[in-house]
Amino acid sequence: MPLSMAHMGESNVIKKVGGKEETRRFLENLGFVAGSVVTIVSEAGGNIIVNIKESRVAIGRDMANRIMV
């Protein structure tokens, strides 16, 4: 399922990152790679704040739809 459908506070393992090559590379640079654990911290105005690799990152819902957990 896409990361945007995951529940707040639960840890999920990233299975796949989709999208165009430049989008995948951008997300990989932020730490969104297969096998990483990601946790949704909060959602506000279509943006999602997640914990990944001991960092907090805000991404848009469209980006979260490309990350499969």
PDB file of N, CA and C in Angstrom:
ATOM      1  N   MET A   1       0.853  -1.182   0.000  1.00  0.00           N
ATOM      2  CA  MET A   1       0.000   0.000   0.000  1.00  0.00           C
ATOM      3  C   MET A   1       0.892   1.237   0.000  1.00  0.00           C
ATOM      4  N   PRO A   2       0.398   2.357  -0.493  1.00  0.00           N
ATOM      5  CA  PRO A   2       1.200   3.581  -0.488  1.00  0.00           C
ATOM      6  C   PRO A   2       1.364   4.129   0.936  1.00  0.00           C
ATOM      7  N   LEU A   3       2.454   4.828   1.155  1.00  0.00           N
ATOM      8  CA  LEU A   3       2.742   5.414   2.462  1.00  0.00           C
ATOM      9  C   LEU A   3       1.630   6.358   2.905  1.00  0.00           C
ATOM     10  N   SER A   4       0.979   7.022   1.974  1.00  0.00           N
ATOM     11  CA  SER A   4      -0.078   7.976   2.317  1.00  0.00           C
ATOM     12  C   SER A   4      -1.273   7.298   3.001  1.00  0.00           C
ATOM     13  N   MET A   5      -1.412   5.966   2.861  1.00  0.00           N
ATOM     14  CA  MET A   5      -2.521   5.245   3.481  1.00  0.00           C
ATOM     15  C   MET A   5      -2.143   4.616   4.816  1.00  0.00           C
ATOM     16  N   ALA A   6      -0.879   4.703   5.203  1.00  0.00           N
ATOM     17  CA  ALA A   6      -0.430   4.118   6.473  1.00  0.00           C
ATOM     18  C   ALA A   6      -0.979   4.928   7.638  1.00  0.00           C
ATOM     19  N   HIS A   7      -1.097   4.274   8.783  1.00  0.00           N
ATOM     20  CA  HIS A   7      -1.631   4.936   9.970  1.00  0.00           C
ATOM     21  C   HIS A   7      -0.540   5.682  10.725  1.00  0.00           C
ATOM     22  N   MET A   8      -0.922   6.784  11.335  1.00  0.00           N
ATOM     23  CA  MET A   8      -0.005   7.592  12.100  1.00  0.00           C
ATOM     24  C   MET A   8       0.550   6.794  13.274  1.00  0.00           C
ATOM     25  N   GLY A   9       1.864   6.873  13.486  1.00  0.00           N
ATOM     26  CA  GLY A   9       2.501   6.237  14.622  1.00  0.00           C
ATOM     27  C   GLY A   9       2.962   4.806  14.401  1.00  0.00           C
ATOM     28  N   GLU A  10       2.526   4.163  13.325  1.00  0.00           N
ATOM     29  CA  GLU A  10       2.963   2.776  13.110  1.00  0.00           C
ATOM     30  C   GLU A  10       4.174   2.748  12.188  1.00  0.00           C
ATOM     31  N   SER A  11       5.109   1.867  12.502  1.00  0.00           N
ATOM     32  CA  SER A  11       6.323   1.733  11.690  1.00  0.00           C
ATOM     33  C   SER A  11       6.043   0.840  10.492  1.00  0.00           C
ATOM     34  N   ASN A  12       6.556   1.246   9.341  1.00  0.00           N
ATOM     35  CA  ASN A  12       6.390   0.482   8.106  1.00  0.00           C
ATOM     36  C   ASN A  12       7.743   0.345   7.424  1.00  0.00           C
ATOM     37  N   VAL A  13       7.932  -0.756   6.723  1.00  0.00           N
ATOM     38  CA  VAL A  13       9.158  -0.973   5.957  1.00  0.00           C
ATOM     39  C   VAL A  13       8.868  -0.639   4.503  1.00  0.00           C
ATOM     40  N   ILE A  14       9.735   0.153   3.897  1.00  0.00           N
ATOM     41  CA  ILE A  14       9.563   0.542   2.497  1.00  0.00           C
ATOM     42  C   ILE A  14       9.863  -0.664   1.605  1.00  0.00           C
ATOM     43  N   LYS A  15       8.918  -0.982   0.732  1.00  0.00           N
ATOM     44  CA  LYS A  15       9.072  -2.106  -0.200  1.00  0.00           C
ATOM     45  C   LYS A  15       9.624  -1.627  -1.545  1.00  0.00           C
ATOM     46  N   LYS A  16       9.122  -0.463  -2.013  1.00  0.00           N
ATOM     47  CA  LYS A  16       9.484   0.007  -3.351  1.00  0.00           C
ATOM     48  C   LYS A  16       9.227   1.504  -3.440  1.00  0.00           C
ATOM     49  N   VAL A  17      10.056   2.195  -4.204  1.00  0.00           N
ATOM     50  CA  VAL A  17       9.844   3.615  -4.483  1.00  0.00           C
ATOM     51  C   VAL A  17       9.622   3.741  -5.976  1.00  0.00           C
ATOM     52  N   GLY A  18       8.455   4.305  -6.356  1.00  0.00           N
ATOM     53  CA  GLY A  18       8.108   4.418  -7.771  1.00  0.00           C
ATOM     54  C   GLY A  18       8.272   5.840  -8.272  1.00  0.00           C
ATOM     55  N   GLY A  19       7.823   6.069  -9.489  1.00  0.00           N
ATOM     56  CA  GLY A  19       7.888   7.389 -10.103  1.00  0.00           C
ATOM     57  C   GLY A  19       8.997   7.481 -11.130  1.00  0.00           C
ATOM     58  N   LYS A  20       9.191   8.690 -11.633  1.00  0.00           N
ATOM     59  CA  LYS A  20      10.248   8.934 -12.615  1.00  0.00           C
ATOM     60  C   LYS A  20      11.616   8.784 -11.956  1.00  0.00           C
ATOM     61  N   GLU A  21      12.634   8.633 -12.779  1.00  0.00           N
ATOM     62  CA  GLU A  21      13.998   8.431 -12.289  1.00  0.00           C
ATOM     63  C   GLU A  21      14.439   9.563 -11.363  1.00  0.00           C
ATOM     64  N   GLU A  22      14.186  10.809 -11.737  1.00  0.00           N
ATOM     65  CA  GLU A  22      14.619  11.933 -10.902  1.00  0.00           C
ATOM     66  C   GLU A  22      13.855  11.984  -9.578  1.00  0.00           C
ATOM     67  N   THR A  23      12.584  11.580  -9.602  1.00  0.00           N
ATOM     68  CA  THR A  23      11.794  11.535  -8.368  1.00  0.00           C
ATOM     69  C   THR A  23      12.329  10.460  -7.442  1.00  0.00           C
ATOM     70  N   ARG A  24      12.626   9.286  -7.987  1.00  0.00           N
ATOM     71  CA  ARG A  24      13.185   8.193  -7.173  1.00  0.00           C
ATOM     72  C   ARG A  24      14.526   8.601  -6.577  1.00  0.00           C
ATOM     73  N   ARG A  25      15.348   9.245  -7.373  1.00  0.00           N
ATOM     74  CA  ARG A  25      16.670   9.675  -6.889  1.00  0.00           C
ATOM     75  C   ARG A  25      16.524  10.702  -5.766  1.00  0.00           C
ATOM     76  N   PHE A  26      15.589  11.637  -5.918  1.00  0.00           N
ATOM     77  CA  PHE A  26      15.332  12.648  -4.887  1.00  0.00           C
ATOM     78  C   PHE A  26      14.913  11.979  -3.580  1.00  0.00           C
ATOM     79  N   LEU A  27      13.973  11.036  -3.659  1.00  0.00           N
ATOM     80  CA  LEU A  27      13.504  10.344  -2.465  1.00  0.00           C
ATOM     81  C   LEU A  27      14.609   9.484  -1.846  1.00  0.00           C
ATOM     82  N   GLU A  28      15.436   8.854  -2.675  1.00  0.00           N
ATOM     83  CA  GLU A  28      16.548   8.057  -2.161  1.00  0.00           C
ATOM     84  C   GLU A  28      17.536   8.931  -1.401  1.00  0.00           C
ATOM     85  N   ASN A  29      17.774  10.136  -1.889  1.00  0.00           N
ATOM     86  CA  ASN A  29      18.684  11.059  -1.199  1.00  0.00           C
ATOM     87  C   ASN A  29      18.140  11.478   0.158  1.00  0.00           C
ATOM     88  N   LEU A  30      16.814  11.464   0.313  1.00  0.00           N
ATOM     89  CA  LEU A  30      16.199  11.779   1.606  1.00  0.00           C
ATOM     90  C   LEU A  30      16.186  10.567   2.537  1.00  0.00           C
ATOM     91  N   GLY A  31      16.541   9.382   2.014  1.00  0.00           N
ATOM     92  CA  GLY A  31      16.583   8.183   2.836  1.00  0.00           C
ATOM     93  C   GLY A  31      15.481   7.187   2.546  1.00  0.00           C
ATOM     94  N   PHE A  32      14.621   7.476   1.580  1.00  0.00           N
ATOM     95  CA  PHE A  32      13.517   6.576   1.241  1.00  0.00           C
ATOM     96  C   PHE A  32      14.008   5.497   0.274  1.00  0.00           C
ATOM     97  N   VAL A  33      14.615   4.450   0.831  1.00  0.00           N
ATOM     98  CA  VAL A  33      15.114   3.335   0.028  1.00  0.00           C
ATOM     99  C   VAL A  33      14.459   2.051   0.533  1.00  0.00           C
ATOM    100  N   ALA A  34      14.383   1.045  -0.325  1.00  0.00           N
ATOM    101  CA  ALA A  34      13.768  -0.227   0.049  1.00  0.00           C
ATOM    102  C   ALA A  34      14.477  -0.802   1.269  1.00  0.00           C
ATOM    103  N   GLY A  35      13.682  -1.251   2.239  1.00  0.00           N
ATOM    104  CA  GLY A  35      14.220  -1.825   3.457  1.00  0.00           C
ATOM    105  C   GLY A  35      14.288  -0.857   4.621  1.00  0.00           C
ATOM    106  N   SER A  36      14.159   0.445   4.358  1.00  0.00           N
ATOM    107  CA  SER A  36      14.195   1.438   5.435  1.00  0.00           C
ATOM    108  C   SER A  36      12.877   1.435   6.192  1.00  0.00           C
ATOM    109  N   VAL A  37      12.956   1.758   7.482  1.00  0.00           N
ATOM    110  CA  VAL A  37      11.757   1.851   8.317  1.00  0.00           C
ATOM    111  C   VAL A  37      11.314   3.302   8.357  1.00  0.00           C
ATOM    112  N   VAL A  38      10.022   3.536   8.107  1.00  0.00           N
ATOM    113  CA  VAL A  38       9.459   4.882   8.082  1.00  0.00           C
ATOM    114  C   VAL A  38       8.226   4.907   8.983  1.00  0.00           C
ATOM    115  N   THR A  39       8.085   6.002   9.751  1.00  0.00           N
ATOM    116  CA  THR A  39       6.955   6.172  10.656  1.00  0.00           C
ATOM    117  C   THR A  39       6.311   7.523  10.405  1.00  0.00           C
ATOM    118  N   ILE A  40       4.991   7.552  10.230  1.00  0.00           N
ATOM    119  CA  ILE A  40       4.282   8.817  10.041  1.00  0.00           C
ATOM    120  C   ILE A  40       4.130   9.498  11.397  1.00  0.00           C
ATOM    121  N   VAL A  41       4.599  10.750  11.478  1.00  0.00           N
ATOM    122  CA  VAL A  41       4.520  11.525  12.718  1.00  0.00           C
ATOM    123  C   VAL A  41       3.236  12.334  12.735  1.00  0.00           C
ATOM    124  N   SER A  42       2.944  13.043  11.634  1.00  0.00           N
ATOM    125  CA  SER A  42       1.710  13.826  11.562  1.00  0.00           C
ATOM    126  C   SER A  42       1.347  14.116  10.119  1.00  0.00           C
ATOM    127  N   GLU A  43       0.099  14.542   9.943  1.00  0.00           N
ATOM    128  CA  GLU A  43      -0.398  14.945   8.632  1.00  0.00           C
ATOM    129  C   GLU A  43      -1.052  16.302   8.783  1.00  0.00           C
ATOM    130  N   ALA A  44      -0.737  17.225   7.871  1.00  0.00           N
ATOM    131  CA  ALA A  44      -1.333  18.561   7.935  1.00  0.00           C
ATOM    132  C   ALA A  44      -1.411  19.149   6.533  1.00  0.00           C
ATOM    133  N   GLY A  45      -2.600  19.511   6.123  1.00  0.00           N
ATOM    134  CA  GLY A  45      -2.787  20.192   4.843  1.00  0.00           C
ATOM    135  C   GLY A  45      -2.266  19.436   3.642  1.00  0.00           C
ATOM    136  N   GLY A  46      -2.379  18.118   3.648  1.00  0.00           N
ATOM    137  CA  GLY A  46      -1.911  17.338   2.508  1.00  0.00           C
ATOM    138  C   GLY A  46      -0.450  16.958   2.593  1.00  0.00           C
ATOM    139  N   ASN A  47       0.287  17.517   3.548  1.00  0.00           N
ATOM    140  CA  ASN A  47       1.684  17.149   3.745  1.00  0.00           C
ATOM    141  C   ASN A  47       1.783  16.120   4.854  1.00  0.00           C
ATOM    142  N   ILE A  48       2.778  15.262   4.730  1.00  0.00           N
ATOM    143  CA  ILE A  48       2.985  14.207   5.715  1.00  0.00           C
ATOM    144  C   ILE A  48       4.386  14.373   6.286  1.00  0.00           C
ATOM    145  N   ILE A  49       4.481  14.365   7.621  1.00  0.00           N
ATOM    146  CA  ILE A  49       5.781  14.426   8.281  1.00  0.00           C
ATOM    147  C   ILE A  49       6.103  13.022   8.761  1.00  0.00           C
ATOM    148  N   VAL A  50       7.282  12.528   8.363  1.00  0.00           N
ATOM    149  CA  VAL A  50       7.678  11.162   8.697  1.00  0.00           C
ATOM    150  C   VAL A  50       9.035  11.149   9.388  1.00  0.00           C
ATOM    151  N   ASN A  51       9.250  10.115  10.189  1.00  0.00           N
ATOM    152  CA  ASN A  51      10.568   9.824  10.755  1.00  0.00           C
ATOM    153  C   ASN A  51      11.196   8.766   9.876  1.00  0.00           C
ATOM    154  N   ILE A  52      12.399   9.059   9.372  1.00  0.00           N
ATOM    155  CA  ILE A  52      13.129   8.069   8.592  1.00  0.00           C
ATOM    156  C   ILE A  52      14.611   8.251   8.885  1.00  0.00           C
ATOM    157  N   LYS A  53      15.270   7.173   9.227  1.00  0.00           N
ATOM    158  CA  LYS A  53      16.698   7.191   9.553  1.00  0.00           C
ATOM    159  C   LYS A  53      17.033   8.280  10.568  1.00  0.00           C
ATOM    160  N   GLU A  54      16.273   8.334  11.654  1.00  0.00           N
ATOM    161  CA  GLU A  54      16.479   9.271  12.765  1.00  0.00           C
ATOM    162  C   GLU A  54      16.382  10.735  12.338  1.00  0.00           C
ATOM    163  N   SER A  55      15.627  11.022  11.277  1.00  0.00           N
ATOM    164  CA  SER A  55      15.383  12.390  10.815  1.00  0.00           C
ATOM    165  C   SER A  55      13.896  12.569  10.566  1.00  0.00           C
ATOM    166  N   ARG A  56      13.438  13.805  10.668  1.00  0.00           N
ATOM    167  CA  ARG A  56      12.055  14.115  10.304  1.00  0.00           C
ATOM    168  C   ARG A  56      12.062  14.783   8.948  1.00  0.00           C
ATOM    169  N   VAL A  57      11.201  14.284   8.070  1.00  0.00           N
ATOM    170  CA  VAL A  57      11.124  14.794   6.701  1.00  0.00           C
ATOM    171  C   VAL A  57       9.656  15.051   6.374  1.00  0.00           C
ATOM    172  N   ALA A  58       9.383  16.201   5.751  1.00  0.00           N
ATOM    173  CA  ALA A  58       8.023  16.503   5.298  1.00  0.00           C
ATOM    174  C   ALA A  58       7.970  16.265   3.787  1.00  0.00           C
ATOM    175  N   ILE A  59       6.960  15.484   3.375  1.00  0.00           N
ATOM    176  CA  ILE A  59       6.758  15.232   1.946  1.00  0.00           C
ATOM    177  C   ILE A  59       5.292  15.456   1.619  1.00  0.00           C
ATOM    178  N   GLY A  60       5.019  15.757   0.361  1.00  0.00           N
ATOM    179  CA  GLY A  60       3.643  15.947  -0.088  1.00  0.00           C
ATOM    180  C   GLY A  60       2.944  14.620  -0.279  1.00  0.00           C
ATOM    181  N   ARG A  61       1.627  14.656  -0.312  1.00  0.00           N
ATOM    182  CA  ARG A  61       0.839  13.437  -0.485  1.00  0.00           C
ATOM    183  C   ARG A  61       1.172  12.756  -1.818  1.00  0.00           C
ATOM    184  N   ASP A  62       1.437  13.541  -2.871  1.00  0.00           N
ATOM    185  CA  ASP A  62       1.779  12.941  -4.168  1.00  0.00           C
ATOM    186  C   ASP A  62       3.073  12.141  -4.092  1.00  0.00           C
ATOM    187  N   MET A  63       4.053  12.623  -3.332  1.00  0.00           N
ATOM    188  CA  MET A  63       5.297  11.877  -3.138  1.00  0.00           C
ATOM    189  C   MET A  63       5.032  10.629  -2.302  1.00  0.00           C
ATOM    190  N   ALA A  64       4.209  10.764  -1.262  1.00  0.00           N
ATOM    191  CA  ALA A  64       3.904   9.628  -0.390  1.00  0.00           C
ATOM    192  C   ALA A  64       3.177   8.520  -1.155  1.00  0.00           C
ATOM    193  N   ASN A  65       2.416   8.892  -2.185  1.00  0.00           N
ATOM    194  CA  ASN A  65       1.721   7.889  -3.006  1.00  0.00           C
ATOM    195  C   ASN A  65       2.693   7.043  -3.814  1.00  0.00           C
ATOM    196  N   ARG A  66       3.905   7.536  -4.033  1.00  0.00           N
ATOM    197  CA  ARG A  66       4.905   6.792  -4.818  1.00  0.00           C
ATOM    198  C   ARG A  66       5.729   5.834  -3.971  1.00  0.00           C
ATOM    199  N   ILE A  67       5.601   5.934  -2.642  1.00  0.00           N
ATOM    200  CA  ILE A  67       6.379   5.099  -1.743  1.00  0.00           C
ATOM    201  C   ILE A  67       5.499   3.951  -1.258  1.00  0.00           C
ATOM    202  N   MET A  68       5.849   2.732  -1.614  1.00  0.00           N
ATOM    203  CA  MET A  68       5.073   1.551  -1.224  1.00  0.00           C
ATOM    204  C   MET A  68       5.652   0.928   0.038  1.00  0.00           C
ATOM    205  N   VAL A  69       4.771   0.646   0.991  1.00  0.00           N
ATOM    206  CA  VAL A  69       5.203   0.036   2.260  1.00  0.00           C
ATOM    207  C   VAL A  69       4.511  -1.304   2.442  1.00  0.00           C
TER     208      VAL A  69
END
